[in-house]
Amino acid sequence: MVKYCPKCGYPNPDEAMYCVRCGIPLGTVQPQSQLSPQQQINNPQQAPQYQQTTPKYPQQQYQTPPSSLNSIKTPQQTDYVSFYRFTFDKVNRVPVILTSKDLIIKDTSIPLASIISANYRVVSDMNVLAIVLGLSLLTAGVAVIITGSSVNSRALIYGILFGIFSLIIGFTSKIALVNIIYQGGQLSMYNRSASEADFFVTCLNKAKMGEFNCTKGS
């Protein structure tokens, strides 16, 4: 018979009054028959029971990162260039828009694949308004000189010079004639700005070859 220590569980002899291991009094401990370790495991009432606990760790919550495809916005790219001041009849302006696939002139769309060539040339065209203004100023100046009317001589000189300048502009005015040859016909347009006509033809020829990189504004 042995006495099991109630504190450390050490088996002490039946006659022991104190625990051999930890030294606490064993006066109230009832002696029990000594069992082998295997018998103590099979007999849970006599064998010391141990409670096995699993350490708990805080569960970390992970959030799935948003898809990179959804978070990245595709920049809006405008693949067209608008040109103004083009006309068919030298009076009425028509909208001309060049896209990466078509050439849109007024209500007509011409596929770039059907365009054979595009070019322009500068031609002379009299500016009637400038001519009329110049003749009016020169006539008024000559009339003042002939009649001997009292007028500021400086204003008279400026008026005559401006009349001469207007006549020169009116008779030597230049316009650009743009010719577009495509499968099915030919198209001609006028533009008062030769630089813009040159830019338009350059962009059109590049787009026709598959290179669309025009960035100039209208």
Protein backbone atom coordinates (compact mmCIF):
# COMPACT_ATOMS: atom_id res chain seq x y z
CA MET A 1 0.00 0.00 0.00
CA VAL A 2 1.23 3.49 -0.79
CA LYS A 3 0.15 7.03 -0.15
CA TYR A 4 0.02 9.34 -3.14
CA CYS A 5 0.93 12.91 -2.39
CA PRO A 6 -2.09 15.16 -3.08
CA LYS A 7 0.25 17.91 -4.31
CA CYS A 8 2.88 16.31 -6.51
CA GLY A 9 1.41 12.77 -6.85
CA TYR A 10 4.58 11.06 -5.64
CA PRO A 11 3.98 7.50 -4.20
CA ASN A 12 5.07 7.45 -0.55
CA PRO A 13 5.25 4.42 1.83
CA ASP A 14 2.13 3.67 3.86
CA GLU A 15 3.79 4.67 7.10
CA ALA A 16 5.11 7.99 5.78
CA MET A 17 3.67 11.05 7.52
CA TYR A 18 5.18 13.56 5.07
CA CYS A 19 5.77 13.44 1.31
CA VAL A 20 9.25 12.32 0.52
CA ARG A 21 9.38 14.66 -2.51
CA CYS A 22 7.62 17.92 -1.53
CA GLY A 23 7.30 17.50 2.26
CA ILE A 24 3.58 18.22 2.75
CA PRO A 25 1.77 16.28 5.53
CA LEU A 26 0.20 12.98 4.47
CA GLY A 27 -1.87 12.38 7.59
CA THR A 28 -5.24 12.59 5.85
CA VAL A 29 -4.21 10.73 2.69
CA GLN A 30 -5.66 7.21 2.45
CA PRO A 31 -3.22 4.52 1.35
CA GLN A 32 -3.90 2.94 -2.09
CA SER A 33 -2.61 -0.19 -3.69
CA GLN A 34 0.43 0.44 -5.85
CA LEU A 35 -0.23 0.05 -9.54
CA SER A 36 2.10 -0.15 -12.43
CA PRO A 37 2.19 2.83 -14.86
CA GLN A 38 0.28 0.76 -17.44
CA GLN A 39 -2.35 -0.12 -14.81
CA GLN A 40 -2.63 3.52 -13.82
CA ILE A 41 -3.35 4.46 -17.43
CA ASN A 42 -5.99 1.72 -17.70
CA ASN A 43 -7.52 2.72 -14.40
CA PRO A 44 -8.37 6.43 -14.72
CA GLN A 45 -9.87 6.57 -11.22
CA GLN A 46 -6.51 5.83 -9.55
CA ALA A 47 -4.08 7.21 -12.07
CA PRO A 48 -3.49 10.96 -11.96
CA GLN A 49 -5.41 12.62 -14.75
CA TYR A 50 -3.88 15.30 -16.86
CA GLN A 51 -5.89 17.66 -19.03
CA GLN A 52 -4.35 18.34 -22.36
CA THR A 53 -5.10 21.72 -23.72
CA THR A 54 -4.40 23.01 -27.21
CA PRO A 55 -2.93 26.50 -27.26
CA LYS A 56 -5.19 28.94 -28.96
CA TYR A 57 -3.72 31.52 -31.21
CA PRO A 58 -5.58 34.53 -32.48
CA GLN A 59 -6.86 33.86 -35.95
CA GLN A 60 -5.63 36.45 -38.36
CA GLN A 61 -8.12 37.39 -40.99
CA TYR A 62 -6.75 37.92 -44.46
CA GLN A 63 -8.56 39.93 -47.05
CA THR A 64 -8.20 38.93 -50.63
CA PRO A 65 -6.53 41.80 -52.48
CA PRO A 66 -8.66 43.26 -55.23
CA SER A 67 -7.92 42.06 -58.69
CA SER A 68 -5.32 44.19 -60.43
CA LEU A 69 -7.42 44.10 -63.57
CA ASN A 70 -10.37 45.67 -61.76
CA SER A 71 -8.33 48.30 -59.92
CA ILE A 72 -6.53 49.60 -63.01
CA LYS A 73 -8.60 51.79 -65.28
CA THR A 74 -7.73 51.83 -68.92
CA PRO A 75 -6.97 55.39 -69.99
CA GLN A 76 -9.36 56.83 -72.48
CA GLN A 77 -7.59 57.38 -75.77
CA THR A 78 -9.11 59.54 -78.46
CA ASP A 79 -7.96 58.32 -81.86
CA TYR A 80 -9.16 61.15 -84.02
CA VAL A 81 -8.07 64.58 -85.17
CA SER A 82 -10.49 67.31 -86.28
CA PHE A 83 -9.62 69.79 -89.00
CA TYR A 84 -11.47 73.01 -89.73
CA ARG A 85 -11.52 75.75 -92.37
CA PHE A 86 -11.91 73.22 -95.18
CA THR A 87 -14.51 73.99 -97.84
CA PHE A 88 -15.88 72.51 -101.06
CA ASP A 89 -17.17 75.74 -102.57
CA LYS A 90 -14.73 78.27 -101.00
CA VAL A 91 -17.57 79.55 -98.79
CA ASN A 92 -19.19 76.92 -96.57
CA ARG A 93 -16.93 75.17 -94.08
CA VAL A 94 -17.29 71.43 -93.66
CA PRO A 95 -16.21 69.28 -90.68
CA VAL A 96 -13.28 67.02 -91.49
CA ILE A 97 -12.39 64.28 -88.99
CA LEU A 98 -9.55 61.80 -89.40
CA THR A 99 -9.80 58.62 -87.32
CA SER A 100 -7.54 55.60 -87.19
CA LYS A 101 -9.84 53.79 -89.63
CA ASP A 102 -11.85 56.34 -91.60
CA LEU A 103 -11.74 59.80 -93.07
CA ILE A 104 -15.04 61.51 -92.29
CA ILE A 105 -15.87 64.59 -94.40
CA LYS A 106 -19.24 66.11 -93.62
CA ASP A 107 -21.62 63.13 -93.90
CA THR A 108 -19.29 60.96 -96.00
CA SER A 109 -17.02 58.29 -94.53
CA ILE A 110 -14.09 57.06 -96.62
CA PRO A 111 -12.19 54.00 -95.32
CA LEU A 112 -8.46 54.58 -95.09
CA ALA A 113 -7.84 51.32 -96.91
CA SER A 114 -9.58 52.70 -100.00
CA ILE A 115 -7.49 55.91 -100.16
CA ILE A 116 -4.85 55.73 -102.86
CA SER A 117 -3.09 59.09 -102.44
CA ALA A 118 -3.50 62.55 -100.90
CA ASN A 119 -1.68 65.78 -101.78
CA TYR A 120 -2.14 69.53 -101.83
CA ARG A 121 -0.90 72.57 -103.74
CA VAL A 122 -1.05 76.29 -103.11
CA VAL A 123 -3.01 78.32 -105.66
CA SER A 124 -3.79 82.01 -106.03
CA ASP A 125 -7.26 83.27 -105.18
CA MET A 126 -8.38 86.89 -105.05
CA ASN A 127 -9.82 88.06 -101.75
CA VAL A 128 -12.75 90.21 -102.86
CA LEU A 129 -13.34 91.68 -99.41
CA ALA A 130 -9.74 92.85 -99.07
CA ILE A 131 -9.81 94.32 -102.58
CA VAL A 132 -13.02 96.26 -101.93
CA LEU A 133 -11.65 97.60 -98.64
CA GLY A 134 -8.39 98.69 -100.27
CA LEU A 135 -10.12 100.47 -103.15
CA SER A 136 -12.45 102.26 -100.73
CA LEU A 137 -9.57 103.58 -98.62
CA LEU A 138 -7.55 104.70 -101.63
CA THR A 139 -10.57 106.44 -103.21
CA ALA A 140 -11.33 108.29 -99.98
CA GLY A 141 -7.70 109.37 -99.64
CA VAL A 142 -7.48 110.65 -103.21
CA ALA A 143 -10.78 112.52 -102.79
CA VAL A 144 -9.50 114.28 -99.68
CA ILE A 145 -6.33 115.32 -101.45
CA ILE A 146 -8.17 116.63 -104.56
CA THR A 147 -10.82 118.56 -102.66
CA GLY A 148 -8.33 119.93 -100.16
CA SER A 149 -10.55 119.04 -97.22
CA SER A 150 -9.15 119.70 -93.78
CA VAL A 151 -8.21 116.32 -92.33
CA ASN A 152 -5.45 115.01 -90.14
CA SER A 153 -2.50 114.40 -92.44
CA ARG A 154 -1.29 111.45 -90.35
CA ALA A 155 -4.69 109.73 -90.53
CA LEU A 156 -4.77 110.36 -94.29
CA ILE A 157 -1.36 108.77 -94.78
CA TYR A 158 -2.28 105.75 -92.63
CA GLY A 159 -5.52 105.30 -94.56
CA ILE A 160 -3.79 105.33 -97.93
CA LEU A 161 -1.09 102.89 -96.75
CA PHE A 162 -3.68 100.51 -95.31
CA GLY A 163 -5.64 100.68 -98.60
CA ILE A 164 -2.55 99.74 -100.58
CA PHE A 165 -1.81 96.87 -98.17
CA SER A 166 -5.39 95.55 -98.50
CA LEU A 167 -5.13 95.59 -102.28
CA ILE A 168 -1.88 93.63 -102.17
CA ILE A 169 -3.43 91.03 -99.85
CA GLY A 170 -6.57 90.82 -101.99
CA PHE A 171 -4.75 90.23 -105.26
CA THR A 172 -2.05 87.89 -103.91
CA SER A 173 -4.18 85.78 -101.59
CA LYS A 174 -3.20 82.11 -101.50
CA ILE A 175 -5.32 79.06 -100.72
CA ALA A 176 -4.46 75.37 -100.47
CA LEU A 177 -6.18 72.91 -102.75
CA VAL A 178 -6.26 69.38 -101.26
CA ASN A 179 -6.82 66.41 -103.56
CA ILE A 180 -7.77 62.98 -102.22
CA ILE A 181 -7.87 60.04 -104.65
CA TYR A 182 -9.60 56.92 -103.38
CA GLN A 183 -11.11 53.79 -104.86
CA GLY A 184 -14.32 55.01 -106.40
CA GLY A 185 -13.58 58.67 -106.99
CA GLN A 186 -11.67 61.85 -106.20
CA LEU A 187 -12.32 64.59 -103.67
CA SER A 188 -11.01 68.18 -103.68
CA MET A 189 -11.18 70.66 -100.81
CA TYR A 190 -9.91 74.19 -100.21
CA ASN A 191 -8.26 75.60 -97.11
CA ARG A 192 -7.14 79.17 -96.41
CA SER A 193 -4.28 77.85 -94.23
CA ALA A 194 -1.55 76.11 -96.20
CA SER A 195 0.10 74.92 -92.96
CA GLU A 196 -3.06 73.16 -91.85
CA ALA A 197 -3.54 71.62 -95.28
CA ASP A 198 0.02 70.30 -95.10
CA PHE A 199 -0.60 68.88 -91.63
CA PHE A 200 -3.84 67.26 -92.76
CA VAL A 201 -2.22 65.58 -95.77
CA THR A 202 0.71 64.39 -93.61
CA CYS A 203 -1.62 62.87 -90.99
CA LEU A 204 -3.77 61.26 -93.66
CA ASN A 205 -0.82 59.61 -95.39
CA LYS A 206 0.52 58.34 -92.04
CA ALA A 207 -2.87 56.95 -91.02
CA LYS A 208 -3.22 55.31 -94.43
CA MET A 209 0.03 53.44 -93.72
CA GLY A 210 -1.17 52.37 -90.26
CA GLU A 211 0.66 55.05 -88.25
CA PHE A 212 -1.83 57.19 -86.32
CA ASN A 213 0.08 59.57 -84.07
CA CYS A 214 -1.29 63.03 -84.96
CA THR A 215 -1.57 65.17 -81.84
CA LYS A 216 -2.14 68.67 -83.19
CA GLY A 217 -5.43 70.27 -82.18
CA SER A 218 -7.89 71.71 -84.55
